[in-house]
Amino acid sequence: MIFKRVGDERPYPPHGLTTKEWGKIEPSEVRLADLVTTKRLLDLDVLFDEDSTFYGDLFPHVVAWQGEFYLEDGLHRTLRAALQQRQTIHARVLTIE
């Protein structure tokens, strides 16, 4: 299994961070096996597009809440890392208490 669990929602409270505010969070290493997805579907065109990170953040966005790590944004980047047989990714992690 690539992820800890496949989810289809954001169970944590809204954080209200903008893209610019996410960019201020220093990336840290996260194990793929610790992540819970917040999206069930993936667009394969995005996954295999060579320029898929051109318009977005280079690092996935993860929300740490109640002992879980939720992959909020960057599912295609994370899955690409898994296909390259990587066990970890660098992501921006926001902790909500």
PDB file of N, CA and C in Angstrom:
ATOM      1  N   MET A   1       0.850  -1.185   0.000  1.00  0.00           N
ATOM      2  CA  MET A   1       0.000   0.000   0.000  1.00  0.00           C
ATOM      3  C   MET A   1       0.889   1.239   0.000  1.00  0.00           C
ATOM      4  N   ILE A   2       0.555   2.187  -0.844  1.00  0.00           N
ATOM      5  CA  ILE A   2       1.349   3.404  -0.958  1.00  0.00           C
ATOM      6  C   ILE A   2       1.062   4.351   0.205  1.00  0.00           C
ATOM      7  N   PHE A   3      -0.227   4.562   0.483  1.00  0.00           N
ATOM      8  CA  PHE A   3      -0.640   5.498   1.519  1.00  0.00           C
ATOM      9  C   PHE A   3      -1.203   4.748   2.724  1.00  0.00           C
ATOM     10  N   LYS A   4      -1.279   5.439   3.839  1.00  0.00           N
ATOM     11  CA  LYS A   4      -1.866   4.850   5.036  1.00  0.00           C
ATOM     12  C   LYS A   4      -3.344   4.530   4.793  1.00  0.00           C
ATOM     13  N   ARG A   5      -4.016   5.493   4.137  1.00  0.00           N
ATOM     14  CA  ARG A   5      -5.441   5.325   3.859  1.00  0.00           C
ATOM     15  C   ARG A   5      -5.827   6.262   2.719  1.00  0.00           C
ATOM     16  N   VAL A   6      -6.809   5.855   1.948  1.00  0.00           N
ATOM     17  CA  VAL A   6      -7.337   6.706   0.885  1.00  0.00           C
ATOM     18  C   VAL A   6      -8.636   7.311   1.384  1.00  0.00           C
ATOM     19  N   GLY A   7      -8.644   8.626   1.493  1.00  0.00           N
ATOM     20  CA  GLY A   7      -9.836   9.336   1.928  1.00  0.00           C
ATOM     21  C   GLY A   7     -10.415  10.138   0.786  1.00  0.00           C
ATOM     22  N   ASP A   8     -11.550  10.767   1.049  1.00  0.00           N
ATOM     23  CA  ASP A   8     -12.209  11.559   0.016  1.00  0.00           C
ATOM     24  C   ASP A   8     -12.765  12.860   0.592  1.00  0.00           C
ATOM     25  N   GLU A   9     -12.158  13.324   1.689  1.00  0.00           N
ATOM     26  CA  GLU A   9     -12.624  14.555   2.316  1.00  0.00           C
ATOM     27  C   GLU A   9     -11.512  15.155   3.161  1.00  0.00           C
ATOM     28  N   ARG A  10     -11.744  16.353   3.622  1.00  0.00           N
ATOM     29  CA  ARG A  10     -10.829  17.039   4.536  1.00  0.00           C
ATOM     30  C   ARG A  10     -11.495  17.063   5.910  1.00  0.00           C
ATOM     31  N   PRO A  11     -11.175  16.108   6.776  1.00  0.00           N
ATOM     32  CA  PRO A  11     -11.870  16.014   8.060  1.00  0.00           C
ATOM     33  C   PRO A  11     -11.443  17.070   9.077  1.00  0.00           C
ATOM     34  N   TYR A  12     -10.343  17.729   8.838  1.00  0.00           N
ATOM     35  CA  TYR A  12      -9.825  18.739   9.757  1.00  0.00           C
ATOM     36  C   TYR A  12     -10.541  20.068   9.543  1.00  0.00           C
ATOM     37  N   PRO A  13     -10.496  20.949  10.555  1.00  0.00           N
ATOM     38  CA  PRO A  13     -11.151  22.257  10.400  1.00  0.00           C
ATOM     39  C   PRO A  13     -10.457  23.103   9.331  1.00  0.00           C
ATOM     40  N   PRO A  14     -11.192  24.011   8.686  1.00  0.00           N
ATOM     41  CA  PRO A  14     -10.589  24.881   7.674  1.00  0.00           C
ATOM     42  C   PRO A  14      -9.443  25.698   8.271  1.00  0.00           C
ATOM     43  N   HIS A  15      -8.351  25.805   7.521  1.00  0.00           N
ATOM     44  CA  HIS A  15      -7.189  26.548   8.026  1.00  0.00           C
ATOM     45  C   HIS A  15      -7.068  27.923   7.405  1.00  0.00           C
ATOM     46  N   GLY A  16      -7.636  28.129   6.229  1.00  0.00           N
ATOM     47  CA  GLY A  16      -7.644  29.441   5.607  1.00  0.00           C
ATOM     48  C   GLY A  16      -6.320  29.919   5.043  1.00  0.00           C
ATOM     49  N   LEU A  17      -5.318  29.046   4.919  1.00  0.00           N
ATOM     50  CA  LEU A  17      -4.029  29.459   4.375  1.00  0.00           C
ATOM     51  C   LEU A  17      -4.121  29.720   2.876  1.00  0.00           C
ATOM     52  N   THR A  18      -3.476  30.777   2.434  1.00  0.00           N
ATOM     53  CA  THR A  18      -3.376  31.069   1.013  1.00  0.00           C
ATOM     54  C   THR A  18      -2.153  30.346   0.456  1.00  0.00           C
ATOM     55  N   THR A  19      -2.055  30.325  -0.861  1.00  0.00           N
ATOM     56  CA  THR A  19      -0.890  29.710  -1.503  1.00  0.00           C
ATOM     57  C   THR A  19       0.397  30.386  -1.039  1.00  0.00           C
ATOM     58  N   LYS A  20       0.355  31.690  -0.907  1.00  0.00           N
ATOM     59  CA  LYS A  20       1.527  32.449  -0.462  1.00  0.00           C
ATOM     60  C   LYS A  20       1.913  32.051   0.969  1.00  0.00           C
ATOM     61  N   GLU A  21       0.929  31.867   1.846  1.00  0.00           N
ATOM     62  CA  GLU A  21       1.207  31.462   3.230  1.00  0.00           C
ATOM     63  C   GLU A  21       1.756  30.035   3.294  1.00  0.00           C
ATOM     64  N   TRP A  22       1.228  29.144   2.443  1.00  0.00           N
ATOM     65  CA  TRP A  22       1.785  27.784   2.379  1.00  0.00           C
ATOM     66  C   TRP A  22       3.263  27.847   1.995  1.00  0.00           C
ATOM     67  N   GLY A  23       3.593  28.755   1.079  1.00  0.00           N
ATOM     68  CA  GLY A  23       4.966  28.879   0.601  1.00  0.00           C
ATOM     69  C   GLY A  23       5.955  29.293   1.683  1.00  0.00           C
ATOM     70  N   LYS A  24       5.479  29.842   2.775  1.00  0.00           N
ATOM     71  CA  LYS A  24       6.359  30.248   3.878  1.00  0.00           C
ATOM     72  C   LYS A  24       6.700  29.091   4.818  1.00  0.00           C
ATOM     73  N   ILE A  25       6.007  27.965   4.679  1.00  0.00           N
ATOM     74  CA  ILE A  25       6.270  26.798   5.539  1.00  0.00           C
ATOM     75  C   ILE A  25       7.449  26.021   4.958  1.00  0.00           C
ATOM     76  N   GLU A  26       8.455  25.816   5.769  1.00  0.00           N
ATOM     77  CA  GLU A  26       9.651  25.088   5.336  1.00  0.00           C
ATOM     78  C   GLU A  26       9.306  23.612   5.075  1.00  0.00           C
ATOM     79  N   PRO A  27       9.673  23.076   3.908  1.00  0.00           N
ATOM     80  CA  PRO A  27       9.388  21.667   3.625  1.00  0.00           C
ATOM     81  C   PRO A  27      10.116  20.737   4.599  1.00  0.00           C
ATOM     82  N   SER A  28       9.457  19.633   4.909  1.00  0.00           N
ATOM     83  CA  SER A  28      10.064  18.597   5.742  1.00  0.00           C
ATOM     84  C   SER A  28       9.749  17.246   5.125  1.00  0.00           C
ATOM     85  N   GLU A  29      10.501  16.239   5.532  1.00  0.00           N
ATOM     86  CA  GLU A  29      10.346  14.909   4.965  1.00  0.00           C
ATOM     87  C   GLU A  29       9.167  14.178   5.612  1.00  0.00           C
ATOM     88  N   VAL A  30       8.349  13.553   4.772  1.00  0.00           N
ATOM     89  CA  VAL A  30       7.174  12.814   5.233  1.00  0.00           C
ATOM     90  C   VAL A  30       7.166  11.446   4.550  1.00  0.00           C
ATOM     91  N   ARG A  31       6.876  10.405   5.323  1.00  0.00           N
ATOM     92  CA  ARG A  31       6.778   9.056   4.748  1.00  0.00           C
ATOM     93  C   ARG A  31       5.447   8.915   4.009  1.00  0.00           C
ATOM     94  N   LEU A  32       5.486   8.347   2.811  1.00  0.00           N
ATOM     95  CA  LEU A  32       4.261   8.128   2.040  1.00  0.00           C
ATOM     96  C   LEU A  32       3.289   7.243   2.809  1.00  0.00           C
ATOM     97  N   ALA A  33       3.808   6.260   3.516  1.00  0.00           N
ATOM     98  CA  ALA A  33       2.972   5.315   4.255  1.00  0.00           C
ATOM     99  C   ALA A  33       2.243   5.972   5.433  1.00  0.00           C
ATOM    100  N   ASP A  34       2.604   7.196   5.794  1.00  0.00           N
ATOM    101  CA  ASP A  34       1.937   7.914   6.885  1.00  0.00           C
ATOM    102  C   ASP A  34       0.825   8.843   6.392  1.00  0.00           C
ATOM    103  N   LEU A  35       0.678   8.979   5.081  1.00  0.00           N
ATOM    104  CA  LEU A  35      -0.261   9.941   4.514  1.00  0.00           C
ATOM    105  C   LEU A  35      -1.657   9.358   4.307  1.00  0.00           C
ATOM    106  N   VAL A  36      -2.649  10.198   4.565  1.00  0.00           N
ATOM    107  CA  VAL A  36      -4.046   9.899   4.253  1.00  0.00           C
ATOM    108  C   VAL A  36      -4.453  10.881   3.161  1.00  0.00           C
ATOM    109  N   THR A  37      -4.954  10.384   2.045  1.00  0.00           N
ATOM    110  CA  THR A  37      -5.334  11.288   0.960  1.00  0.00           C
ATOM    111  C   THR A  37      -6.660  11.975   1.271  1.00  0.00           C
ATOM    112  N   THR A  38      -6.871  13.139   0.677  1.00  0.00           N
ATOM    113  CA  THR A  38      -8.148  13.838   0.805  1.00  0.00           C
ATOM    114  C   THR A  38      -8.872  13.867  -0.538  1.00  0.00           C
ATOM    115  N   LYS A  39      -8.290  13.202  -1.525  1.00  0.00           N
ATOM    116  CA  LYS A  39      -8.910  13.074  -2.852  1.00  0.00           C
ATOM    117  C   LYS A  39      -8.841  11.608  -3.255  1.00  0.00           C
ATOM    118  N   ARG A  40      -9.923  11.112  -3.802  1.00  0.00           N
ATOM    119  CA  ARG A  40      -9.992   9.720  -4.215  1.00  0.00           C
ATOM    120  C   ARG A  40      -9.614   9.551  -5.689  1.00  0.00           C
ATOM    121  N   LEU A  41      -9.774  10.602  -6.496  1.00  0.00           N
ATOM    122  CA  LEU A  41      -9.550  10.509  -7.935  1.00  0.00           C
ATOM    123  C   LEU A  41      -8.326  11.307  -8.351  1.00  0.00           C
ATOM    124  N   LEU A  42      -7.678  10.840  -9.401  1.00  0.00           N
ATOM    125  CA  LEU A  42      -6.481  11.480  -9.929  1.00  0.00           C
ATOM    126  C   LEU A  42      -6.626  11.630 -11.431  1.00  0.00           C
ATOM    127  N   ASP A  43      -6.281  12.788 -11.952  1.00  0.00           N
ATOM    128  CA  ASP A  43      -6.312  13.035 -13.387  1.00  0.00           C
ATOM    129  C   ASP A  43      -4.969  12.584 -13.966  1.00  0.00           C
ATOM    130  N   LEU A  44      -4.979  11.534 -14.784  1.00  0.00           N
ATOM    131  CA  LEU A  44      -3.726  10.994 -15.322  1.00  0.00           C
ATOM    132  C   LEU A  44      -2.986  11.986 -16.204  1.00  0.00           C
ATOM    133  N   ASP A  45      -3.711  12.887 -16.869  1.00  0.00           N
ATOM    134  CA  ASP A  45      -3.032  13.909 -17.667  1.00  0.00           C
ATOM    135  C   ASP A  45      -2.126  14.765 -16.788  1.00  0.00           C
ATOM    136  N   VAL A  46      -2.567  15.070 -15.584  1.00  0.00           N
ATOM    137  CA  VAL A  46      -1.766  15.861 -14.646  1.00  0.00           C
ATOM    138  C   VAL A  46      -0.583  15.039 -14.146  1.00  0.00           C
ATOM    139  N   LEU A  47      -0.823  13.768 -13.870  1.00  0.00           N
ATOM    140  CA  LEU A  47       0.235  12.904 -13.346  1.00  0.00           C
ATOM    141  C   LEU A  47       1.413  12.803 -14.310  1.00  0.00           C
ATOM    142  N   PHE A  48       1.131  12.623 -15.590  1.00  0.00           N
ATOM    143  CA  PHE A  48       2.198  12.377 -16.555  1.00  0.00           C
ATOM    144  C   PHE A  48       2.666  13.613 -17.306  1.00  0.00           C
ATOM    145  N   ASP A  49       2.124  14.779 -16.976  1.00  0.00           N
ATOM    146  CA  ASP A  49       2.547  16.024 -17.598  1.00  0.00           C
ATOM    147  C   ASP A  49       3.920  16.416 -17.057  1.00  0.00           C
ATOM    148  N   GLU A  50       4.886  16.608 -17.934  1.00  0.00           N
ATOM    149  CA  GLU A  50       6.248  16.950 -17.507  1.00  0.00           C
ATOM    150  C   GLU A  50       6.302  18.282 -16.768  1.00  0.00           C
ATOM    151  N   ASP A  51       5.409  19.199 -17.092  1.00  0.00           N
ATOM    152  CA  ASP A  51       5.389  20.514 -16.460  1.00  0.00           C
ATOM    153  C   ASP A  51       4.323  20.614 -15.376  1.00  0.00           C
ATOM    154  N   SER A  52       3.997  19.518 -14.729  1.00  0.00           N
ATOM    155  CA  SER A  52       2.871  19.501 -13.801  1.00  0.00           C
ATOM    156  C   SER A  52       3.084  20.400 -12.587  1.00  0.00           C
ATOM    157  N   THR A  53       4.307  20.756 -12.271  1.00  0.00           N
ATOM    158  CA  THR A  53       4.547  21.623 -11.115  1.00  0.00           C
ATOM    159  C   THR A  53       4.783  23.077 -11.528  1.00  0.00           C
ATOM    160  N   PHE A  54       4.667  23.396 -12.812  1.00  0.00           N
ATOM    161  CA  PHE A  54       4.997  24.727 -13.289  1.00  0.00           C
ATOM    162  C   PHE A  54       4.128  25.805 -12.638  1.00  0.00           C
ATOM    163  N   TYR A  55       2.831  25.557 -12.534  1.00  0.00           N
ATOM    164  CA  TYR A  55       1.922  26.576 -12.011  1.00  0.00           C
ATOM    165  C   TYR A  55       1.630  26.421 -10.527  1.00  0.00           C
ATOM    166  N   GLY A  56       2.107  25.370  -9.907  1.00  0.00           N
ATOM    167  CA  GLY A  56       1.813  25.150  -8.499  1.00  0.00           C
ATOM    168  C   GLY A  56       3.071  25.083  -7.659  1.00  0.00           C
ATOM    169  N   ASP A  57       2.873  24.806  -6.397  1.00  0.00           N
ATOM    170  CA  ASP A  57       3.979  24.653  -5.463  1.00  0.00           C
ATOM    171  C   ASP A  57       4.739  23.375  -5.804  1.00  0.00           C
ATOM    172  N   LEU A  58       6.041  23.416  -5.692  1.00  0.00           N
ATOM    173  CA  LEU A  58       6.845  22.222  -5.946  1.00  0.00           C
ATOM    174  C   LEU A  58       6.673  21.169  -4.859  1.00  0.00           C
ATOM    175  N   PHE A  59       6.188  21.578  -3.691  1.00  0.00           N
ATOM    176  CA  PHE A  59       6.051  20.670  -2.564  1.00  0.00           C
ATOM    177  C   PHE A  59       4.570  20.415  -2.262  1.00  0.00           C
ATOM    178  N   PRO A  60       4.207  19.157  -2.036  1.00  0.00           N
ATOM    179  CA  PRO A  60       2.832  18.861  -1.631  1.00  0.00           C
ATOM    180  C   PRO A  60       2.498  19.543  -0.302  1.00  0.00           C
ATOM    181  N   HIS A  61       1.201  19.746  -0.068  1.00  0.00           N
ATOM    182  CA  HIS A  61       0.726  20.357   1.172  1.00  0.00           C
ATOM    183  C   HIS A  61       0.086  19.275   2.035  1.00  0.00           C
ATOM    184  N   VAL A  62       0.553  19.186   3.269  1.00  0.00           N
ATOM    185  CA  VAL A  62       0.073  18.176   4.216  1.00  0.00           C
ATOM    186  C   VAL A  62      -0.426  18.887   5.468  1.00  0.00           C
ATOM    187  N   VAL A  63      -1.574  18.444   5.972  1.00  0.00           N
ATOM    188  CA  VAL A  63      -2.119  18.978   7.216  1.00  0.00           C
ATOM    189  C   VAL A  63      -2.007  17.900   8.282  1.00  0.00           C
ATOM    190  N   ALA A  64      -1.300  18.207   9.363  1.00  0.00           N
ATOM    191  CA  ALA A  64      -1.189  17.296  10.506  1.00  0.00           C
ATOM    192  C   ALA A  64      -2.283  17.662  11.495  1.00  0.00           C
ATOM    193  N   TRP A  65      -3.173  16.696  11.757  1.00  0.00           N
ATOM    194  CA  TRP A  65      -4.301  16.952  12.644  1.00  0.00           C
ATOM    195  C   TRP A  65      -4.688  15.667  13.357  1.00  0.00           C
ATOM    196  N   GLN A  66      -4.785  15.730  14.667  1.00  0.00           N
ATOM    197  CA  GLN A  66      -5.178  14.611  15.512  1.00  0.00           C
ATOM    198  C   GLN A  66      -4.377  13.345  15.211  1.00  0.00           C
ATOM    199  N   GLY A  67      -3.075  13.508  15.058  1.00  0.00           N
ATOM    200  CA  GLY A  67      -2.180  12.367  14.872  1.00  0.00           C
ATOM    201  C   GLY A  67      -2.137  11.788  13.472  1.00  0.00           C
ATOM    202  N   GLU A  68      -2.816  12.415  12.530  1.00  0.00           N
ATOM    203  CA  GLU A  68      -2.823  11.945  11.138  1.00  0.00           C
ATOM    204  C   GLU A  68      -2.193  13.001  10.241  1.00  0.00           C
ATOM    205  N   PHE A  69      -1.656  12.564   9.107  1.00  0.00           N
ATOM    206  CA  PHE A  69      -1.087  13.458   8.109  1.00  0.00           C
ATOM    207  C   PHE A  69      -1.963  13.378   6.854  1.00  0.00           C
ATOM    208  N   TYR A  70      -2.685  14.472   6.571  1.00  0.00           N
ATOM    209  CA  TYR A  70      -3.614  14.509   5.445  1.00  0.00           C
ATOM    210  C   TYR A  70      -2.976  15.222   4.259  1.00  0.00           C
ATOM    211  N   LEU A  71      -2.929  14.546   3.133  1.00  0.00           N
ATOM    212  CA  LEU A  71      -2.378  15.108   1.909  1.00  0.00           C
ATOM    213  C   LEU A  71      -3.443  15.983   1.258  1.00  0.00           C
ATOM    214  N   GLU A  72      -3.331  17.286   1.470  1.00  0.00           N
ATOM    215  CA  GLU A  72      -4.342  18.224   0.977  1.00  0.00           C
ATOM    216  C   GLU A  72      -4.133  18.562  -0.493  1.00  0.00           C
ATOM    217  N   ASP A  73      -2.908  18.739  -0.897  1.00  0.00           N
ATOM    218  CA  ASP A  73      -2.611  19.119  -2.275  1.00  0.00           C
ATOM    219  C   ASP A  73      -1.304  18.455  -2.687  1.00  0.00           C
ATOM    220  N   GLY A  74      -1.235  18.001  -3.936  1.00  0.00           N
ATOM    221  CA  GLY A  74      -0.010  17.380  -4.428  1.00  0.00           C
ATOM    222  C   GLY A  74      -0.118  15.876  -4.596  1.00  0.00           C
ATOM    223  N   LEU A  75      -1.349  15.377  -4.760  1.00  0.00           N
ATOM    224  CA  LEU A  75      -1.529  13.925  -4.918  1.00  0.00           C
ATOM    225  C   LEU A  75      -0.747  13.398  -6.108  1.00  0.00           C
ATOM    226  N   HIS A  76      -0.774  14.117  -7.228  1.00  0.00           N
ATOM    227  CA  HIS A  76      -0.069  13.623  -8.412  1.00  0.00           C
ATOM    228  C   HIS A  76       1.449  13.604  -8.197  1.00  0.00           C
ATOM    229  N   ARG A  77       1.991  14.590  -7.487  1.00  0.00           N
ATOM    230  CA  ARG A  77       3.435  14.600  -7.215  1.00  0.00           C
ATOM    231  C   ARG A  77       3.819  13.441  -6.294  1.00  0.00           C
ATOM    232  N   THR A  78       2.949  13.199  -5.324  1.00  0.00           N
ATOM    233  CA  THR A  78       3.218  12.146  -4.357  1.00  0.00           C
ATOM    234  C   THR A  78       3.130  10.769  -5.008  1.00  0.00           C
ATOM    235  N   LEU A  79       2.140  10.581  -5.858  1.00  0.00           N
ATOM    236  CA  LEU A  79       2.017   9.303  -6.549  1.00  0.00           C
ATOM    237  C   LEU A  79       3.183   9.097  -7.512  1.00  0.00           C
ATOM    238  N   ARG A  80       3.618  10.164  -8.148  1.00  0.00           N
ATOM    239  CA  ARG A  80       4.790  10.054  -9.033  1.00  0.00           C
ATOM    240  C   ARG A  80       6.019   9.601  -8.232  1.00  0.00           C
ATOM    241  N   ALA A  81       6.191  10.130  -7.032  1.00  0.00           N
ATOM    242  CA  ALA A  81       7.302   9.695  -6.170  1.00  0.00           C
ATOM    243  C   ALA A  81       7.173   8.217  -5.835  1.00  0.00           C
ATOM    244  N   ALA A  82       5.956   7.761  -5.570  1.00  0.00           N
ATOM    245  CA  ALA A  82       5.732   6.344  -5.264  1.00  0.00           C
ATOM    246  C   ALA A  82       6.070   5.468  -6.470  1.00  0.00           C
ATOM    247  N   LEU A  83       5.710   5.922  -7.669  1.00  0.00           N
ATOM    248  CA  LEU A  83       6.027   5.161  -8.878  1.00  0.00           C
ATOM    249  C   LEU A  83       7.539   5.087  -9.112  1.00  0.00           C
ATOM    250  N   GLN A  84       8.266   6.049  -8.578  1.00  0.00           N
ATOM    251  CA  GLN A  84       9.730   6.041  -8.655  1.00  0.00           C
ATOM    252  C   GLN A  84      10.328   5.257  -7.494  1.00  0.00           C
ATOM    253  N   GLN A  85       9.475   4.567  -6.739  1.00  0.00           N
ATOM    254  CA  GLN A  85       9.855   3.716  -5.612  1.00  0.00           C
ATOM    255  C   GLN A  85      10.511   4.485  -4.475  1.00  0.00           C
ATOM    256  N   ARG A  86      10.104   5.733  -4.302  1.00  0.00           N
ATOM    257  CA  ARG A  86      10.575   6.519  -3.165  1.00  0.00           C
ATOM    258  C   ARG A  86       9.649   6.262  -1.988  1.00  0.00           C
ATOM    259  N   GLN A  87      10.179   6.236  -0.801  1.00  0.00           N
ATOM    260  CA  GLN A  87       9.403   5.987   0.413  1.00  0.00           C
ATOM    261  C   GLN A  87       8.985   7.274   1.114  1.00  0.00           C
ATOM    262  N   THR A  88       9.658   8.378   0.780  1.00  0.00           N
ATOM    263  CA  THR A  88       9.391   9.661   1.422  1.00  0.00           C
ATOM    264  C   THR A  88       9.286  10.769   0.371  1.00  0.00           C
ATOM    265  N   ILE A  89       8.684  11.870   0.789  1.00  0.00           N
ATOM    266  CA  ILE A  89       8.636  13.081  -0.028  1.00  0.00           C
ATOM    267  C   ILE A  89       8.948  14.257   0.876  1.00  0.00           C
ATOM    268  N   HIS A  90       9.315  15.362   0.285  1.00  0.00           N
ATOM    269  CA  HIS A  90       9.422  16.616   1.023  1.00  0.00           C
ATOM    270  C   HIS A  90       8.112  17.366   0.801  1.00  0.00           C
ATOM    271  N   ALA A  91       7.472  17.769   1.885  1.00  0.00           N
ATOM    272  CA  ALA A  91       6.181  18.442   1.814  1.00  0.00           C
ATOM    273  C   ALA A  91       6.143  19.585   2.815  1.00  0.00           C
ATOM    274  N   ARG A  92       5.266  20.524   2.561  1.00  0.00           N
ATOM    275  CA  ARG A  92       5.005  21.596   3.533  1.00  0.00           C
ATOM    276  C   ARG A  92       3.936  21.061   4.487  1.00  0.00           C
ATOM    277  N   VAL A  93       4.259  21.012   5.771  1.00  0.00           N
ATOM    278  CA  VAL A  93       3.347  20.429   6.759  1.00  0.00           C
ATOM    279  C   VAL A  93       2.820  21.515   7.683  1.00  0.00           C
ATOM    280  N   LEU A  94       1.504  21.660   7.697  1.00  0.00           N
ATOM    281  CA  LEU A  94       0.823  22.588   8.595  1.00  0.00           C
ATOM    282  C   LEU A  94       0.217  21.765   9.736  1.00  0.00           C
ATOM    283  N   THR A  95       0.540  22.125  10.964  1.00  0.00           N
ATOM    284  CA  THR A  95      -0.026  21.435  12.119  1.00  0.00           C
ATOM    285  C   THR A  95      -1.195  22.237  12.660  1.00  0.00           C
ATOM    286  N   ILE A  96      -2.351  21.600  12.726  1.00  0.00           N
ATOM    287  CA  ILE A  96      -3.546  22.209  13.309  1.00  0.00           C
ATOM    288  C   ILE A  96      -3.799  21.533  14.649  1.00  0.00           C
ATOM    289  N   GLU A  97      -3.964  22.343  15.665  1.00  0.00           N
ATOM    290  CA  GLU A  97      -4.183  21.788  17.010  1.00  0.00           C
ATOM    291  C   GLU A  97      -5.631  21.831  17.401  1.00  0.00           C
TER     292      GLU A  97
END
